[in-house]
N, C-alpha and C. Protein backbone atom coordinates (compact mmCIF):
# COMPACT_ATOMS: atom_id res chain seq x y z
N MET A 1 16.64 10.97 17.97
CA MET A 1 15.64 11.72 18.70
C MET A 1 14.26 11.20 18.32
N ASP A 2 13.28 11.34 19.21
CA ASP A 2 11.96 10.76 18.94
C ASP A 2 10.86 11.82 19.09
N ASP A 3 10.96 12.88 18.28
CA ASP A 3 10.00 13.97 18.36
C ASP A 3 8.58 13.54 17.99
N ASP A 4 8.46 12.46 17.24
CA ASP A 4 7.13 12.01 16.82
C ASP A 4 6.45 11.13 17.87
N GLY A 5 7.11 10.87 18.99
CA GLY A 5 6.50 10.08 20.06
C GLY A 5 6.63 8.58 19.89
N SER A 6 7.42 8.16 18.91
CA SER A 6 7.53 6.72 18.65
C SER A 6 8.82 6.12 19.18
N GLY A 7 9.70 6.92 19.75
CA GLY A 7 10.97 6.42 20.22
C GLY A 7 10.87 5.72 21.57
N PHE A 8 11.96 5.11 21.97
CA PHE A 8 12.02 4.35 23.21
C PHE A 8 11.66 5.20 24.43
N VAL A 9 12.24 6.39 24.53
CA VAL A 9 12.00 7.24 25.69
C VAL A 9 10.53 7.66 25.76
N SER A 10 9.96 8.00 24.62
CA SER A 10 8.54 8.39 24.59
C SER A 10 7.64 7.24 25.00
N ARG A 11 7.93 6.06 24.50
CA ARG A 11 7.12 4.89 24.86
C ARG A 11 7.25 4.58 26.35
N LEU A 12 8.46 4.69 26.88
CA LEU A 12 8.69 4.47 28.30
C LEU A 12 7.92 5.50 29.13
N ALA A 13 7.96 6.76 28.72
CA ALA A 13 7.22 7.81 29.42
C ALA A 13 5.72 7.54 29.37
N ASP A 14 5.22 7.12 28.23
CA ASP A 14 3.79 6.80 28.10
C ASP A 14 3.39 5.67 29.04
N GLU A 15 4.24 4.66 29.13
CA GLU A 15 3.95 3.53 30.02
C GLU A 15 3.95 3.97 31.49
N MET A 16 4.92 4.81 31.86
CA MET A 16 4.97 5.32 33.23
C MET A 16 3.73 6.16 33.55
N GLU A 17 3.35 7.01 32.61
CA GLU A 17 2.16 7.85 32.81
C GLU A 17 0.92 6.99 32.97
N GLU A 18 0.82 5.96 32.16
CA GLU A 18 -0.34 5.06 32.24
C GLU A 18 -0.41 4.39 33.61
N GLU A 19 0.73 3.94 34.11
CA GLU A 19 0.78 3.31 35.44
C GLU A 19 0.42 4.31 36.54
N GLN A 20 0.91 5.54 36.43
CA GLN A 20 0.61 6.56 37.44
C GLN A 20 -0.89 6.87 37.46
N LEU A 21 -1.49 7.01 36.29
CA LEU A 21 -2.92 7.31 36.23
C LEU A 21 -3.76 6.12 36.71
N LYS A 22 -3.32 4.92 36.40
CA LYS A 22 -4.02 3.72 36.88
C LYS A 22 -3.96 3.66 38.41
N ALA A 23 -2.79 3.93 38.98
CA ALA A 23 -2.65 3.92 40.44
C ALA A 23 -3.54 5.00 41.07
N GLY A 24 -3.60 6.16 40.45
CA GLY A 24 -4.45 7.23 40.94
C GLY A 24 -5.92 6.83 40.93
N ASP A 25 -6.33 6.17 39.87
CA ASP A 25 -7.71 5.70 39.76
C ASP A 25 -8.03 4.70 40.88
N GLU A 26 -7.08 3.81 41.16
CA GLU A 26 -7.27 2.82 42.23
C GLU A 26 -7.36 3.50 43.60
N ILE A 27 -6.54 4.53 43.82
CA ILE A 27 -6.57 5.25 45.09
C ILE A 27 -7.90 5.98 45.26
N VAL A 28 -8.41 6.57 44.20
CA VAL A 28 -9.71 7.25 44.27
C VAL A 28 -10.81 6.24 44.60
N ALA A 29 -10.77 5.07 43.98
CA ALA A 29 -11.77 4.04 44.27
C ALA A 29 -11.68 3.61 45.73
N HIS A 30 -10.46 3.44 46.24
CA HIS A 30 -10.27 3.08 47.64
C HIS A 30 -10.79 4.19 48.56
N ALA A 31 -10.52 5.43 48.18
CA ALA A 31 -10.99 6.57 48.98
C ALA A 31 -12.51 6.58 49.07
N CYS A 32 -13.17 6.31 47.97
CA CYS A 32 -14.64 6.27 47.97
C CYS A 32 -15.16 5.18 48.91
N GLU A 33 -14.51 4.03 48.86
CA GLU A 33 -14.91 2.93 49.75
C GLU A 33 -14.68 3.31 51.22
N LEU A 34 -13.51 3.85 51.50
CA LEU A 34 -13.16 4.20 52.87
C LEU A 34 -14.09 5.28 53.42
N LEU A 35 -14.41 6.25 52.60
CA LEU A 35 -15.27 7.34 53.06
C LEU A 35 -16.72 6.91 53.26
N SER A 36 -17.09 5.78 52.71
CA SER A 36 -18.45 5.28 52.92
C SER A 36 -18.57 4.52 54.25
N GLU A 37 -17.43 4.23 54.86
CA GLU A 37 -17.44 3.54 56.15
C GLU A 37 -17.82 4.52 57.26
N PRO A 38 -18.69 4.10 58.18
CA PRO A 38 -19.13 5.03 59.24
C PRO A 38 -18.02 5.38 60.24
N LYS A 39 -17.10 4.46 60.47
CA LYS A 39 -16.03 4.72 61.44
C LYS A 39 -14.67 4.55 60.76
N VAL A 40 -14.00 5.67 60.57
CA VAL A 40 -12.68 5.67 59.96
C VAL A 40 -11.76 6.44 60.90
N SER A 41 -10.60 5.88 61.16
CA SER A 41 -9.69 6.54 62.10
C SER A 41 -8.99 7.74 61.45
N VAL A 42 -8.52 8.62 62.29
CA VAL A 42 -7.76 9.78 61.82
C VAL A 42 -6.50 9.31 61.10
N ARG A 43 -5.88 8.27 61.62
CA ARG A 43 -4.67 7.73 61.00
C ARG A 43 -4.96 7.24 59.58
N GLU A 44 -6.08 6.55 59.39
CA GLU A 44 -6.46 6.07 58.05
C GLU A 44 -6.72 7.25 57.11
N LEU A 45 -7.41 8.26 57.61
CA LEU A 45 -7.71 9.42 56.78
C LEU A 45 -6.44 10.18 56.39
N ARG A 46 -5.51 10.32 57.33
CA ARG A 46 -4.26 11.00 57.02
C ARG A 46 -3.48 10.24 55.94
N PHE A 47 -3.43 8.93 56.06
CA PHE A 47 -2.74 8.11 55.06
C PHE A 47 -3.43 8.25 53.70
N LEU A 48 -4.75 8.24 53.71
CA LEU A 48 -5.52 8.39 52.48
C LEU A 48 -5.23 9.74 51.82
N VAL A 49 -5.22 10.80 52.60
CA VAL A 49 -4.93 12.13 52.05
C VAL A 49 -3.52 12.16 51.47
N LYS A 50 -2.57 11.56 52.14
CA LYS A 50 -1.19 11.50 51.64
C LYS A 50 -1.16 10.80 50.28
N CYS A 51 -1.85 9.68 50.17
CA CYS A 51 -1.89 8.93 48.91
C CYS A 51 -2.59 9.73 47.81
N LEU A 52 -3.68 10.39 48.16
CA LEU A 52 -4.41 11.20 47.18
C LEU A 52 -3.56 12.37 46.70
N CYS A 53 -2.80 12.99 47.60
CA CYS A 53 -1.91 14.10 47.21
C CYS A 53 -0.86 13.62 46.22
N GLN A 54 -0.28 12.47 46.49
CA GLN A 54 0.73 11.93 45.57
C GLN A 54 0.11 11.60 44.22
N ALA A 55 -1.08 11.02 44.23
CA ALA A 55 -1.76 10.69 42.97
C ALA A 55 -2.08 11.95 42.18
N LEU A 56 -2.49 13.00 42.88
CA LEU A 56 -2.78 14.27 42.21
C LEU A 56 -1.51 14.87 41.62
N ARG A 57 -0.42 14.83 42.37
CA ARG A 57 0.86 15.33 41.85
C ARG A 57 1.24 14.58 40.57
N ASP A 58 1.09 13.25 40.60
CA ASP A 58 1.41 12.45 39.42
C ASP A 58 0.51 12.81 38.24
N ALA A 59 -0.78 12.98 38.49
CA ALA A 59 -1.72 13.31 37.42
C ALA A 59 -1.40 14.68 36.82
N LEU A 60 -1.05 15.64 37.68
CA LEU A 60 -0.68 16.97 37.19
C LEU A 60 0.61 16.91 36.38
N ARG A 61 1.55 16.10 36.80
CA ARG A 61 2.80 15.92 36.06
C ARG A 61 2.51 15.31 34.69
N VAL A 62 1.62 14.33 34.64
CA VAL A 62 1.24 13.70 33.36
C VAL A 62 0.57 14.74 32.46
N ALA A 63 -0.35 15.52 33.03
CA ALA A 63 -1.06 16.53 32.23
C ALA A 63 -0.09 17.56 31.67
N GLU A 64 0.86 18.00 32.50
CA GLU A 64 1.84 18.97 32.05
C GLU A 64 2.71 18.38 30.95
N SER A 65 3.15 17.16 31.12
CA SER A 65 3.99 16.50 30.14
C SER A 65 3.25 16.33 28.81
N ARG A 66 2.02 15.89 28.89
CA ARG A 66 1.24 15.69 27.66
C ARG A 66 0.91 17.02 27.01
N GLY A 67 0.68 18.04 27.84
CA GLY A 67 0.39 19.37 27.30
C GLY A 67 1.54 19.92 26.49
N ARG A 68 2.77 19.63 26.91
CA ARG A 68 3.94 20.09 26.16
C ARG A 68 4.04 19.42 24.80
N ARG A 69 3.44 18.24 24.67
CA ARG A 69 3.52 17.50 23.40
C ARG A 69 2.42 17.89 22.42
N LEU A 70 1.43 18.67 22.88
CA LEU A 70 0.34 19.07 22.00
C LEU A 70 0.78 20.21 21.10
N PRO A 71 0.23 20.27 19.90
CA PRO A 71 0.57 21.41 19.04
C PRO A 71 0.01 22.69 19.65
N ALA A 72 0.63 23.80 19.36
CA ALA A 72 0.18 25.09 19.89
C ALA A 72 -1.22 25.39 19.37
N ARG A 73 -2.05 25.93 20.25
CA ARG A 73 -3.43 26.28 19.90
C ARG A 73 -3.44 27.64 19.22
N THR A 74 -4.29 27.78 18.21
CA THR A 74 -4.42 29.08 17.55
C THR A 74 -5.47 29.91 18.26
N ASP A 75 -5.45 31.21 18.04
CA ASP A 75 -6.38 32.11 18.73
C ASP A 75 -7.84 31.88 18.36
N ASP A 76 -8.11 31.30 17.20
CA ASP A 76 -9.49 31.10 16.78
C ASP A 76 -10.07 29.77 17.25
N GLU A 77 -9.30 28.96 18.01
CA GLU A 77 -9.82 27.71 18.55
C GLU A 77 -10.52 27.99 19.88
N PRO A 78 -11.60 27.24 20.18
CA PRO A 78 -12.31 27.44 21.46
C PRO A 78 -11.41 27.11 22.65
N GLN A 79 -11.69 27.76 23.78
CA GLN A 79 -10.89 27.57 24.98
C GLN A 79 -11.67 26.83 26.05
N GLY A 80 -12.31 25.74 25.71
CA GLY A 80 -13.06 24.97 26.70
C GLY A 80 -12.19 24.54 27.86
N ARG A 81 -12.74 24.55 29.05
CA ARG A 81 -12.01 24.10 30.23
C ARG A 81 -12.72 22.89 30.80
N PRO A 82 -12.10 21.71 30.75
CA PRO A 82 -12.72 20.51 31.29
C PRO A 82 -13.04 20.67 32.76
N GLY A 83 -14.20 20.20 33.16
CA GLY A 83 -14.57 20.22 34.57
C GLY A 83 -15.30 21.46 34.99
N VAL A 84 -15.24 22.53 34.22
CA VAL A 84 -15.92 23.76 34.58
C VAL A 84 -17.41 23.56 34.38
N GLY A 85 -18.16 23.95 35.37
CA GLY A 85 -19.61 23.81 35.28
C GLY A 85 -20.14 22.50 35.81
N LEU A 86 -19.29 21.67 36.40
CA LEU A 86 -19.77 20.41 36.98
C LEU A 86 -20.64 20.73 38.19
N LYS A 87 -21.69 19.99 38.33
CA LYS A 87 -22.58 20.18 39.47
C LYS A 87 -22.09 19.39 40.66
N PRO A 88 -22.29 19.90 41.87
CA PRO A 88 -21.89 19.14 43.07
C PRO A 88 -22.55 17.76 43.06
N GLY A 89 -21.80 16.78 43.51
CA GLY A 89 -22.34 15.43 43.58
C GLY A 89 -22.16 14.63 42.30
N THR A 90 -21.46 15.21 41.31
CA THR A 90 -21.27 14.48 40.06
C THR A 90 -19.86 13.92 39.93
N GLY A 91 -19.10 13.95 41.00
CA GLY A 91 -17.72 13.46 40.97
C GLY A 91 -17.65 11.95 41.14
N ALA A 92 -16.45 11.47 41.41
CA ALA A 92 -16.21 10.03 41.52
C ALA A 92 -16.86 9.41 42.75
N CYS A 93 -16.90 10.12 43.86
CA CYS A 93 -17.48 9.60 45.10
C CYS A 93 -18.84 10.22 45.33
N GLN A 94 -19.86 9.41 45.27
CA GLN A 94 -21.21 9.95 45.49
C GLN A 94 -21.91 9.21 46.59
């Protein structure tokens, strides 16, 4: 068993997660480029949304998987929420 994260299965999962997040990053970059074009077809936008949905599903799966591997938080630790308080226009596509 590889509870410490050093076993074959854990390394394979880490590699898969890395590839999924990399693909998601590439899709977001493509989306930003496509959305900057003045004329984009409905078909292109639908395909883009489909790709973005899959990338988001993958990212959520990675976050859930990694969250299960974190030690339990104690009640006296802060409960910061990443992304809360971001101002409009500060995202990836500007």
